[in-house]
Amino acid sequence: MEKLKIGIILGSTRIGRVSPQVGNWVKEIADKREDGTYEIVDIADFKLPFVGEGTGKEPGLLAWSEKLSSLDGFVFIVQEYNHSITGALKNALDSARDEWNNKAAGIVSYGSTGGARAAEHLRGILGELLVADVRVNPTLSLFTDFENFKTFKPADLHLGNVHAMLDQTIAWSGALKNLRQA
C-alpha cells in the first residue's frame, strides 16, 4: 500500500517568522515514523495573489492547486496574530476549494496562549472546506518554548502530543482517501 502524503503547511510569510523552525521540528518527528511521506509546504513559495485579484491563472495559483491535490492530508503550523490566523494563511486557504475536500488535518499552534485562538479559528475554516481536523492540537508557548521569542526550543512534553496528532491525522487521512476514491 502506498504511503499517505502529508503536507506540513507553514502558515506565515512574515520576515523573521519562526514557523520554519516549528515545521522542521514536526517533520523530523514525522520522518522517523514510517507511516507516511511528509513534506514542508511553505505558502510563501507560491506568491499567491489576494483572492479576487488577478486573473486566476497566475503560476502560483496553479502550482498551489497541484500541490494541494497531490496531498492526502495536512499538518498546519499556525501562529496566533491578533487572536486569529495570519492573513496569508487565510488567503492560501481561500485560494483553493475542491483541493481541500475530504482530507484530514492536524494543527500545531503557537503564541502567547499556545496559539489556541488561532487553532480554533482555523478549525471553523477547515470545516467549511470539508477538511476533518483532528482532536489533538500541540500548543507551544512563546514564553516557554522559544528563547527570546525567536529560537525554537520545545519542551520534551510536546513530543507525545505531536505523535498523537500525527496518529490521528494519518488514520483520518487514510479513511478519507477511500471516500475521495469512491
N, C-alpha and C. Protein backbone atom coordinates (compact mmCIF):
# COMPACT_ATOMS: atom_id res chain seq x y z
N MET A 1 0.84 -1.19 0.00
CA MET A 1 0.00 0.00 0.00
C MET A 1 0.88 1.25 0.00
N GLU A 2 0.52 2.19 -0.83
CA GLU A 2 1.28 3.44 -0.94
C GLU A 2 1.11 4.28 0.31
N LYS A 3 2.21 4.87 0.77
CA LYS A 3 2.15 5.72 1.95
C LYS A 3 1.35 6.99 1.67
N LEU A 4 0.66 7.44 2.68
CA LEU A 4 -0.08 8.70 2.56
C LEU A 4 0.89 9.86 2.48
N LYS A 5 0.49 10.90 1.75
CA LYS A 5 1.32 12.10 1.58
C LYS A 5 0.71 13.22 2.43
N ILE A 6 1.49 13.70 3.39
CA ILE A 6 1.03 14.72 4.32
C ILE A 6 1.89 15.98 4.14
N GLY A 7 1.24 17.09 3.86
CA GLY A 7 1.93 18.37 3.73
C GLY A 7 1.93 19.11 5.06
N ILE A 8 3.09 19.55 5.48
CA ILE A 8 3.23 20.36 6.69
C ILE A 8 3.23 21.81 6.23
N ILE A 9 2.10 22.48 6.39
CA ILE A 9 1.90 23.81 5.82
C ILE A 9 2.35 24.89 6.79
N LEU A 10 3.32 25.68 6.36
CA LEU A 10 3.79 26.82 7.17
C LEU A 10 2.83 27.97 6.98
N GLY A 11 2.20 28.41 8.06
CA GLY A 11 1.11 29.38 7.98
C GLY A 11 1.50 30.83 8.08
N SER A 12 2.76 31.16 7.89
CA SER A 12 3.18 32.56 7.96
C SER A 12 4.14 32.87 6.83
N THR A 13 4.11 34.11 6.38
CA THR A 13 5.06 34.55 5.34
C THR A 13 5.90 35.73 5.83
N ARG A 14 5.71 36.11 7.08
CA ARG A 14 6.40 37.29 7.61
C ARG A 14 7.91 37.11 7.65
N ILE A 15 8.63 38.19 7.44
CA ILE A 15 10.08 38.19 7.60
C ILE A 15 10.37 37.96 9.09
N GLY A 16 11.31 37.08 9.37
CA GLY A 16 11.65 36.77 10.75
C GLY A 16 10.74 35.74 11.39
N ARG A 17 9.88 35.14 10.62
CA ARG A 17 8.93 34.15 11.16
C ARG A 17 9.68 32.95 11.75
N VAL A 18 9.03 32.30 12.69
CA VAL A 18 9.62 31.11 13.30
C VAL A 18 8.92 29.83 12.85
N SER A 19 7.90 29.95 12.01
CA SER A 19 7.18 28.76 11.56
C SER A 19 8.08 27.73 10.87
N PRO A 20 9.13 28.13 10.13
CA PRO A 20 10.00 27.10 9.55
C PRO A 20 10.69 26.23 10.62
N GLN A 21 11.04 26.84 11.74
CA GLN A 21 11.65 26.05 12.82
C GLN A 21 10.67 25.03 13.38
N VAL A 22 9.44 25.46 13.60
CA VAL A 22 8.42 24.56 14.14
C VAL A 22 8.08 23.48 13.10
N GLY A 23 7.92 23.87 11.86
CA GLY A 23 7.61 22.91 10.80
C GLY A 23 8.70 21.87 10.63
N ASN A 24 9.95 22.29 10.67
CA ASN A 24 11.06 21.35 10.54
C ASN A 24 11.11 20.38 11.72
N TRP A 25 10.80 20.87 12.92
CA TRP A 25 10.74 20.01 14.11
C TRP A 25 9.66 18.94 13.94
N VAL A 26 8.49 19.34 13.49
CA VAL A 26 7.40 18.38 13.27
C VAL A 26 7.82 17.38 12.19
N LYS A 27 8.44 17.85 11.13
CA LYS A 27 8.86 16.95 10.04
C LYS A 27 9.91 15.94 10.53
N GLU A 28 10.86 16.39 11.35
CA GLU A 28 11.87 15.48 11.89
C GLU A 28 11.21 14.37 12.71
N ILE A 29 10.23 14.72 13.50
CA ILE A 29 9.50 13.73 14.29
C ILE A 29 8.74 12.79 13.35
N ALA A 30 8.03 13.36 12.39
CA ALA A 30 7.20 12.58 11.47
C ALA A 30 8.04 11.63 10.61
N ASP A 31 9.19 12.09 10.15
CA ASP A 31 10.02 11.27 9.27
C ASP A 31 10.51 10.00 9.94
N LYS A 32 10.56 9.96 11.26
CA LYS A 32 11.01 8.78 11.99
C LYS A 32 9.90 7.73 12.12
N ARG A 33 8.68 8.09 11.76
CA ARG A 33 7.52 7.23 11.98
C ARG A 33 7.30 6.17 10.91
N GLU A 34 7.64 6.42 9.67
CA GLU A 34 7.48 5.49 8.56
C GLU A 34 6.03 5.17 8.21
N ASP A 35 5.07 6.02 8.65
CA ASP A 35 3.67 5.76 8.33
C ASP A 35 3.13 6.68 7.26
N GLY A 36 3.96 7.54 6.73
CA GLY A 36 3.55 8.47 5.69
C GLY A 36 4.77 9.13 5.09
N THR A 37 4.52 9.91 4.05
CA THR A 37 5.55 10.73 3.45
C THR A 37 5.20 12.17 3.80
N TYR A 38 6.11 12.84 4.44
CA TYR A 38 5.86 14.19 4.94
C TYR A 38 6.73 15.20 4.20
N GLU A 39 6.15 16.35 3.90
CA GLU A 39 6.93 17.40 3.25
C GLU A 39 6.48 18.76 3.76
N ILE A 40 7.43 19.68 3.80
CA ILE A 40 7.14 21.07 4.16
C ILE A 40 6.51 21.74 2.94
N VAL A 41 5.40 22.44 3.16
CA VAL A 41 4.75 23.23 2.12
C VAL A 41 4.70 24.66 2.64
N ASP A 42 5.54 25.50 2.07
CA ASP A 42 5.67 26.89 2.52
C ASP A 42 4.81 27.79 1.62
N ILE A 43 3.75 28.36 2.18
CA ILE A 43 2.87 29.18 1.34
C ILE A 43 3.60 30.38 0.75
N ALA A 44 4.70 30.80 1.37
CA ALA A 44 5.47 31.92 0.84
C ALA A 44 6.06 31.59 -0.54
N ASP A 45 6.31 30.33 -0.80
CA ASP A 45 6.91 29.92 -2.08
C ASP A 45 5.97 30.08 -3.26
N PHE A 46 4.68 30.19 -3.01
CA PHE A 46 3.71 30.20 -4.09
C PHE A 46 3.32 31.60 -4.57
N LYS A 47 3.69 32.62 -3.83
CA LYS A 47 3.40 34.01 -4.24
C LYS A 47 1.93 34.16 -4.65
N LEU A 48 1.04 33.74 -3.78
CA LEU A 48 -0.39 33.76 -4.09
C LEU A 48 -0.92 35.19 -4.11
N PRO A 49 -1.67 35.53 -5.15
CA PRO A 49 -2.31 36.85 -5.15
C PRO A 49 -3.47 36.83 -4.15
N PHE A 50 -3.92 38.00 -3.74
CA PHE A 50 -5.09 38.05 -2.89
C PHE A 50 -6.28 37.50 -3.65
N VAL A 51 -7.14 36.79 -2.96
CA VAL A 51 -8.33 36.22 -3.58
C VAL A 51 -9.14 37.35 -4.22
N GLY A 52 -9.53 37.14 -5.47
CA GLY A 52 -10.31 38.13 -6.19
C GLY A 52 -9.47 39.10 -7.00
N GLU A 53 -8.17 39.05 -6.81
CA GLU A 53 -7.27 39.90 -7.61
C GLU A 53 -6.57 39.03 -8.64
N GLY A 54 -6.21 39.60 -9.74
CA GLY A 54 -5.53 38.84 -10.78
C GLY A 54 -6.51 38.10 -11.68
N THR A 55 -5.96 37.23 -12.49
CA THR A 55 -6.76 36.53 -13.50
C THR A 55 -7.23 35.16 -13.03
N GLY A 56 -6.63 34.66 -11.97
CA GLY A 56 -6.93 33.29 -11.53
C GLY A 56 -6.07 32.26 -12.24
N LYS A 57 -5.21 32.72 -13.14
CA LYS A 57 -4.34 31.82 -13.91
C LYS A 57 -2.87 32.02 -13.54
N GLU A 58 -2.61 32.76 -12.46
CA GLU A 58 -1.23 33.01 -12.06
C GLU A 58 -0.52 31.69 -11.77
N PRO A 59 0.77 31.60 -12.12
CA PRO A 59 1.52 30.35 -11.91
C PRO A 59 1.48 29.86 -10.46
N GLY A 60 1.53 30.77 -9.51
CA GLY A 60 1.48 30.36 -8.10
C GLY A 60 0.17 29.69 -7.73
N LEU A 61 -0.94 30.19 -8.27
CA LEU A 61 -2.24 29.58 -8.00
C LEU A 61 -2.33 28.17 -8.58
N LEU A 62 -1.83 28.01 -9.80
CA LEU A 62 -1.85 26.70 -10.44
C LEU A 62 -0.95 25.72 -9.68
N ALA A 63 0.22 26.18 -9.26
CA ALA A 63 1.14 25.31 -8.51
C ALA A 63 0.54 24.96 -7.14
N TRP A 64 -0.13 25.92 -6.50
CA TRP A 64 -0.79 25.69 -5.22
C TRP A 64 -1.87 24.61 -5.37
N SER A 65 -2.68 24.72 -6.39
CA SER A 65 -3.73 23.74 -6.65
C SER A 65 -3.14 22.35 -6.86
N GLU A 66 -2.09 22.27 -7.66
CA GLU A 66 -1.44 20.99 -7.93
C GLU A 66 -0.86 20.39 -6.65
N LYS A 67 -0.21 21.22 -5.84
CA LYS A 67 0.39 20.74 -4.60
C LYS A 67 -0.68 20.19 -3.67
N LEU A 68 -1.75 20.96 -3.45
CA LEU A 68 -2.81 20.50 -2.55
C LEU A 68 -3.46 19.22 -3.06
N SER A 69 -3.66 19.14 -4.37
CA SER A 69 -4.29 17.96 -4.96
C SER A 69 -3.43 16.71 -4.77
N SER A 70 -2.12 16.88 -4.68
CA SER A 70 -1.20 15.74 -4.56
C SER A 70 -1.13 15.20 -3.13
N LEU A 71 -1.71 15.90 -2.17
CA LEU A 71 -1.60 15.52 -0.76
C LEU A 71 -2.86 14.83 -0.26
N ASP A 72 -2.66 13.92 0.69
CA ASP A 72 -3.76 13.21 1.32
C ASP A 72 -4.22 13.87 2.62
N GLY A 73 -3.38 14.67 3.21
CA GLY A 73 -3.69 15.32 4.47
C GLY A 73 -2.69 16.41 4.77
N PHE A 74 -2.91 17.07 5.90
CA PHE A 74 -2.12 18.26 6.21
C PHE A 74 -1.83 18.33 7.70
N VAL A 75 -0.73 19.00 8.02
CA VAL A 75 -0.46 19.48 9.37
C VAL A 75 -0.21 20.97 9.22
N PHE A 76 -1.05 21.77 9.86
CA PHE A 76 -0.90 23.21 9.78
C PHE A 76 -0.04 23.70 10.94
N ILE A 77 0.98 24.48 10.62
CA ILE A 77 1.78 25.17 11.63
C ILE A 77 1.18 26.57 11.72
N VAL A 78 0.50 26.82 12.84
CA VAL A 78 -0.34 28.02 12.95
C VAL A 78 0.14 28.89 14.11
N GLN A 79 0.44 30.13 13.79
CA GLN A 79 0.83 31.10 14.80
C GLN A 79 -0.31 32.08 15.00
N GLU A 80 -0.47 32.50 16.22
CA GLU A 80 -1.58 33.40 16.53
C GLU A 80 -1.15 34.85 16.36
N TYR A 81 -1.90 35.57 15.54
CA TYR A 81 -1.73 37.01 15.37
C TYR A 81 -3.07 37.66 15.65
N ASN A 82 -3.13 38.54 16.59
CA ASN A 82 -4.36 39.26 16.91
C ASN A 82 -5.54 38.30 17.12
N HIS A 83 -5.30 37.23 17.88
CA HIS A 83 -6.31 36.25 18.26
C HIS A 83 -6.82 35.41 17.09
N SER A 84 -6.08 35.31 15.99
CA SER A 84 -6.54 34.54 14.85
C SER A 84 -5.35 34.04 14.03
N ILE A 85 -5.65 33.47 12.88
CA ILE A 85 -4.62 33.02 11.95
C ILE A 85 -4.09 34.21 11.17
N THR A 86 -3.00 34.01 10.47
CA THR A 86 -2.44 35.08 9.66
C THR A 86 -3.30 35.33 8.42
N GLY A 87 -3.23 36.54 7.90
CA GLY A 87 -3.92 36.86 6.66
C GLY A 87 -3.40 36.02 5.51
N ALA A 88 -2.10 35.74 5.52
CA ALA A 88 -1.50 34.94 4.44
C ALA A 88 -2.07 33.52 4.44
N LEU A 89 -2.27 32.95 5.62
CA LEU A 89 -2.85 31.61 5.67
C LEU A 89 -4.31 31.63 5.23
N LYS A 90 -5.05 32.61 5.68
CA LYS A 90 -6.46 32.70 5.27
C LYS A 90 -6.56 32.83 3.74
N ASN A 91 -5.70 33.65 3.16
CA ASN A 91 -5.69 33.81 1.71
C ASN A 91 -5.33 32.49 1.02
N ALA A 92 -4.36 31.76 1.57
CA ALA A 92 -3.95 30.47 0.98
C ALA A 92 -5.10 29.47 1.06
N LEU A 93 -5.80 29.46 2.19
CA LEU A 93 -6.95 28.56 2.33
C LEU A 93 -8.03 28.90 1.31
N ASP A 94 -8.29 30.19 1.14
CA ASP A 94 -9.34 30.64 0.23
C ASP A 94 -8.95 30.54 -1.24
N SER A 95 -7.66 30.33 -1.51
CA SER A 95 -7.17 30.27 -2.89
C SER A 95 -7.40 28.91 -3.55
N ALA A 96 -8.02 28.00 -2.83
CA ALA A 96 -8.38 26.70 -3.39
C ALA A 96 -9.72 26.30 -2.78
N ARG A 97 -10.37 25.33 -3.35
CA ARG A 97 -11.65 24.88 -2.79
C ARG A 97 -11.72 23.35 -2.80
N ASP A 98 -11.95 22.79 -3.96
CA ASP A 98 -12.12 21.34 -4.05
C ASP A 98 -10.86 20.58 -3.65
N GLU A 99 -9.70 21.19 -3.81
CA GLU A 99 -8.43 20.53 -3.49
C GLU A 99 -8.33 20.17 -2.00
N TRP A 100 -9.07 20.88 -1.15
CA TRP A 100 -9.07 20.61 0.29
C TRP A 100 -10.05 19.51 0.68
N ASN A 101 -11.08 19.32 -0.11
CA ASN A 101 -12.23 18.49 0.29
C ASN A 101 -11.87 17.05 0.63
N ASN A 102 -12.50 16.58 1.72
CA ASN A 102 -12.39 15.19 2.17
C ASN A 102 -10.96 14.76 2.46
N LYS A 103 -10.26 15.64 3.14
CA LYS A 103 -8.91 15.34 3.63
C LYS A 103 -8.90 15.66 5.12
N ALA A 104 -7.85 15.22 5.80
CA ALA A 104 -7.73 15.45 7.24
C ALA A 104 -6.58 16.40 7.53
N ALA A 105 -6.65 17.02 8.71
CA ALA A 105 -5.59 17.95 9.10
C ALA A 105 -5.36 17.91 10.61
N GLY A 106 -4.10 17.98 10.95
CA GLY A 106 -3.68 18.23 12.31
C GLY A 106 -3.23 19.67 12.41
N ILE A 107 -3.21 20.18 13.62
CA ILE A 107 -2.82 21.57 13.85
C ILE A 107 -1.77 21.60 14.96
N VAL A 108 -0.67 22.30 14.71
CA VAL A 108 0.32 22.61 15.72
C VAL A 108 0.33 24.13 15.81
N SER A 109 0.01 24.66 16.98
CA SER A 109 -0.14 26.11 17.11
C SER A 109 0.84 26.67 18.14
N TYR A 110 1.12 27.96 17.98
CA TYR A 110 1.96 28.63 18.97
C TYR A 110 1.57 30.10 19.09
N GLY A 111 1.88 30.64 20.24
CA GLY A 111 1.59 32.04 20.54
C GLY A 111 1.64 32.25 22.03
N SER A 112 1.16 33.40 22.48
CA SER A 112 1.22 33.72 23.91
C SER A 112 0.33 32.79 24.73
N THR A 113 -0.73 32.28 24.15
CA THR A 113 -1.59 31.29 24.82
C THR A 113 -1.54 29.97 24.05
N GLY A 114 -0.39 29.66 23.51
CA GLY A 114 -0.23 28.43 22.76
C GLY A 114 -0.88 28.45 21.38
N GLY A 115 -1.32 29.61 20.95
CA GLY A 115 -1.99 29.71 19.66
C GLY A 115 -3.38 29.12 19.65
N ALA A 116 -3.96 28.93 20.83
CA ALA A 116 -5.26 28.26 20.94
C ALA A 116 -6.36 28.98 20.16
N ARG A 117 -6.38 30.29 20.19
CA ARG A 117 -7.44 31.02 19.49
C ARG A 117 -7.28 30.91 17.98
N ALA A 118 -6.04 30.92 17.51
CA ALA A 118 -5.81 30.74 16.07
C ALA A 118 -6.23 29.34 15.63
N ALA A 119 -5.92 28.34 16.45
CA ALA A 119 -6.31 26.97 16.12
C ALA A 119 -7.82 26.85 16.04
N GLU A 120 -8.53 27.47 16.95
CA GLU A 120 -9.99 27.41 16.93
C GLU A 120 -10.57 28.11 15.71
N HIS A 121 -9.99 29.24 15.33
CA HIS A 121 -10.46 29.91 14.11
C HIS A 121 -10.20 29.04 12.89
N LEU A 122 -9.02 28.43 12.86
CA LEU A 122 -8.69 27.57 11.73
C LEU A 122 -9.66 26.39 11.63
N ARG A 123 -10.06 25.83 12.75
CA ARG A 123 -10.99 24.70 12.73
C ARG A 123 -12.31 25.06 12.03
N GLY A 124 -12.82 26.26 12.28
CA GLY A 124 -14.05 26.69 11.63
C GLY A 124 -13.89 26.82 10.12
N ILE A 125 -12.77 27.34 9.70
CA ILE A 125 -12.49 27.48 8.27
C ILE A 125 -12.34 26.11 7.61
N LEU A 126 -11.60 25.22 8.28
CA LEU A 126 -11.40 23.88 7.72
C LEU A 126 -12.72 23.13 7.56
N GLY A 127 -13.63 23.31 8.51
CA GLY A 127 -14.93 22.67 8.39
C GLY A 127 -15.66 23.10 7.13
N GLU A 128 -15.59 24.37 6.81
CA GLU A 128 -16.24 24.87 5.59
C GLU A 128 -15.59 24.30 4.33
N LEU A 129 -14.30 23.98 4.41
CA LEU A 129 -13.57 23.43 3.26
C LEU A 129 -13.64 21.90 3.21
N LEU A 130 -14.45 21.31 4.08
CA LEU A 130 -14.60 19.85 4.17
C LEU A 130 -13.29 19.16 4.53
N VAL A 131 -12.52 19.79 5.41
CA VAL A 131 -11.31 19.19 5.96
C VAL A 131 -11.64 18.77 7.38
N ALA A 132 -11.40 17.51 7.70
CA ALA A 132 -11.66 16.98 9.03
C ALA A 132 -10.43 17.23 9.90
N ASP A 133 -10.57 18.15 10.87
CA ASP A 133 -9.44 18.41 11.75
C ASP A 133 -9.46 17.43 12.91
N VAL A 134 -8.30 16.99 13.31
CA VAL A 134 -8.20 16.00 14.38
C VAL A 134 -8.18 16.70 15.74
N ARG A 135 -8.46 15.93 16.77
CA ARG A 135 -8.65 16.48 18.10
C ARG A 135 -7.35 17.00 18.74
N VAL A 136 -6.29 16.19 18.72
CA VAL A 136 -5.06 16.56 19.43
C VAL A 136 -4.40 17.74 18.72
N ASN A 137 -4.10 18.77 19.50
CA ASN A 137 -3.52 20.01 18.98
C ASN A 137 -2.35 20.42 19.88
N PRO A 138 -1.11 20.04 19.51
CA PRO A 138 0.03 20.50 20.29
C PRO A 138 0.07 22.03 20.30
N THR A 139 0.17 22.61 21.49
CA THR A 139 0.19 24.07 21.66
C THR A 139 1.52 24.47 22.26
N LEU A 140 2.19 25.39 21.61
CA LEU A 140 3.52 25.82 22.02
C LEU A 140 3.46 27.27 22.51
N SER A 141 4.13 27.53 23.59
CA SER A 141 4.13 28.87 24.18
C SER A 141 5.33 29.69 23.73
N LEU A 142 5.07 30.92 23.34
CA LEU A 142 6.17 31.83 23.00
C LEU A 142 7.08 32.07 24.21
N PHE A 143 6.53 31.91 25.41
CA PHE A 143 7.28 32.21 26.62
C PHE A 143 8.15 31.05 27.11
N THR A 144 7.72 29.82 26.86
CA THR A 144 8.48 28.69 27.39
C THR A 144 9.12 27.80 26.32
N ASP A 145 8.65 27.88 25.09
CA ASP A 145 9.17 27.02 24.03
C ASP A 145 10.04 27.76 23.01
N PHE A 146 10.25 29.04 23.25
CA PHE A 146 11.10 29.85 22.39
C PHE A 146 12.05 30.66 23.25
N GLU A 147 13.28 30.73 22.83
CA GLU A 147 14.28 31.56 23.51
C GLU A 147 14.26 32.93 22.87
N ASN A 148 14.02 33.95 23.67
CA ASN A 148 13.92 35.33 23.17
C ASN A 148 12.87 35.47 22.07
N PHE A 149 11.84 34.65 22.09
CA PHE A 149 10.74 34.67 21.13
C PHE A 149 11.19 34.37 19.70
N LYS A 150 12.42 33.92 19.50
CA LYS A 150 12.96 33.73 18.15
C LYS A 150 13.51 32.34 17.88
N THR A 151 14.09 31.72 18.89
CA THR A 151 14.74 30.43 18.69
C THR A 151 13.89 29.35 19.33
N PHE A 152 13.43 28.42 18.53
CA PHE A 152 12.52 27.37 18.99
C PHE A 152 13.27 26.33 19.80
N LYS A 153 12.85 26.14 21.03
CA LYS A 153 13.42 25.15 21.94
C LYS A 153 12.26 24.45 22.65
N PRO A 154 11.61 23.52 21.97
CA PRO A 154 10.40 22.91 22.53
C PRO A 154 10.68 22.06 23.76
N ALA A 155 9.77 22.10 24.69
CA ALA A 155 9.83 21.23 25.86
C ALA A 155 9.56 19.80 25.42
N ASP A 156 10.19 18.84 26.07
CA ASP A 156 10.03 17.43 25.73
C ASP A 156 8.59 16.95 25.85
N LEU A 157 7.81 17.60 26.71
CA LEU A 157 6.43 17.17 26.93
C LEU A 157 5.57 17.25 25.66
N HIS A 158 5.98 18.00 24.67
CA HIS A 158 5.19 18.15 23.44
C HIS A 158 5.30 16.94 22.51
N LEU A 159 6.32 16.14 22.68
CA LEU A 159 6.57 15.02 21.77
C LEU A 159 5.39 14.05 21.73
N GLY A 160 4.84 13.70 22.87
CA GLY A 160 3.70 12.79 22.91
C GLY A 160 2.49 13.35 22.17
N ASN A 161 2.24 14.65 22.32
CA ASN A 161 1.11 15.28 21.62
C ASN A 161 1.33 15.32 20.11
N VAL A 162 2.56 15.56 19.68
CA VAL A 162 2.83 15.56 18.24
C VAL A 162 2.58 14.17 17.66
N HIS A 163 3.05 13.13 18.36
CA HIS A 163 2.81 11.76 17.88
C HIS A 163 1.31 11.44 17.85
N ALA A 164 0.59 11.83 18.89
CA ALA A 164 -0.86 11.56 18.92
C ALA A 164 -1.58 12.30 17.79
N MET A 165 -1.18 13.55 17.54
CA MET A 165 -1.78 14.32 16.44
C MET A 165 -1.47 13.65 15.10
N LEU A 166 -0.24 13.19 14.91
CA LEU A 166 0.12 12.52 13.66
C LEU A 166 -0.61 11.19 13.52
N ASP A 167 -0.77 10.45 14.62
CA ASP A 167 -1.55 9.20 14.58
C ASP A 167 -2.95 9.46 14.05
N GLN A 168 -3.60 10.48 14.59
CA GLN A 168 -4.96 10.80 14.18
C GLN A 168 -5.00 11.31 12.74
N THR A 169 -4.04 12.14 12.37
CA THR A 169 -4.02 12.69 11.01
C THR A 169 -3.84 11.58 9.98
N ILE A 170 -2.94 10.65 10.25
CA ILE A 170 -2.73 9.53 9.34
C ILE A 170 -3.98 8.66 9.25
N ALA A 171 -4.57 8.33 10.39
CA ALA A 171 -5.77 7.47 10.39
C ALA A 171 -6.91 8.12 9.61
N TRP A 172 -7.18 9.36 9.88
CA TRP A 172 -8.29 10.05 9.20
C TRP A 172 -7.97 10.28 7.72
N SER A 173 -6.71 10.59 7.41
CA SER A 173 -6.35 10.79 6.00
C SER A 173 -6.55 9.52 5.21
N GLY A 174 -6.20 8.38 5.81
CA GLY A 174 -6.40 7.10 5.13
C GLY A 174 -7.87 6.79 4.92
N ALA A 175 -8.68 7.04 5.94
CA ALA A 175 -10.11 6.78 5.82
C ALA A 175 -10.75 7.69 4.77
N LEU A 176 -10.36 8.94 4.76
CA LEU A 176 -10.94 9.89 3.81
C LEU A 176 -10.44 9.66 2.38
N LYS A 177 -9.27 9.07 2.23
CA LYS A 177 -8.79 8.76 0.88
C LYS A 177 -9.75 7.78 0.21
N ASN A 178 -10.26 6.83 0.98
CA ASN A 178 -11.25 5.90 0.43
C ASN A 178 -12.48 6.64 -0.05
N LEU A 179 -12.90 7.65 0.68
CA LEU A 179 -14.06 8.45 0.29
C LEU A 179 -13.78 9.21 -1.01
N ARG A 180 -12.59 9.77 -1.14
CA ARG A 180 -12.23 10.52 -2.35
C ARG A 180 -12.14 9.62 -3.56
N GLN A 181 -11.81 8.36 -3.37
CA GLN A 181 -11.67 7.42 -4.48
C GLN A 181 -13.00 6.78 -4.87
N ALA A 182 -14.02 6.97 -4.04
CA ALA A 182 -15.32 6.32 -4.32
C ALA A 182 -16.02 6.98 -5.50
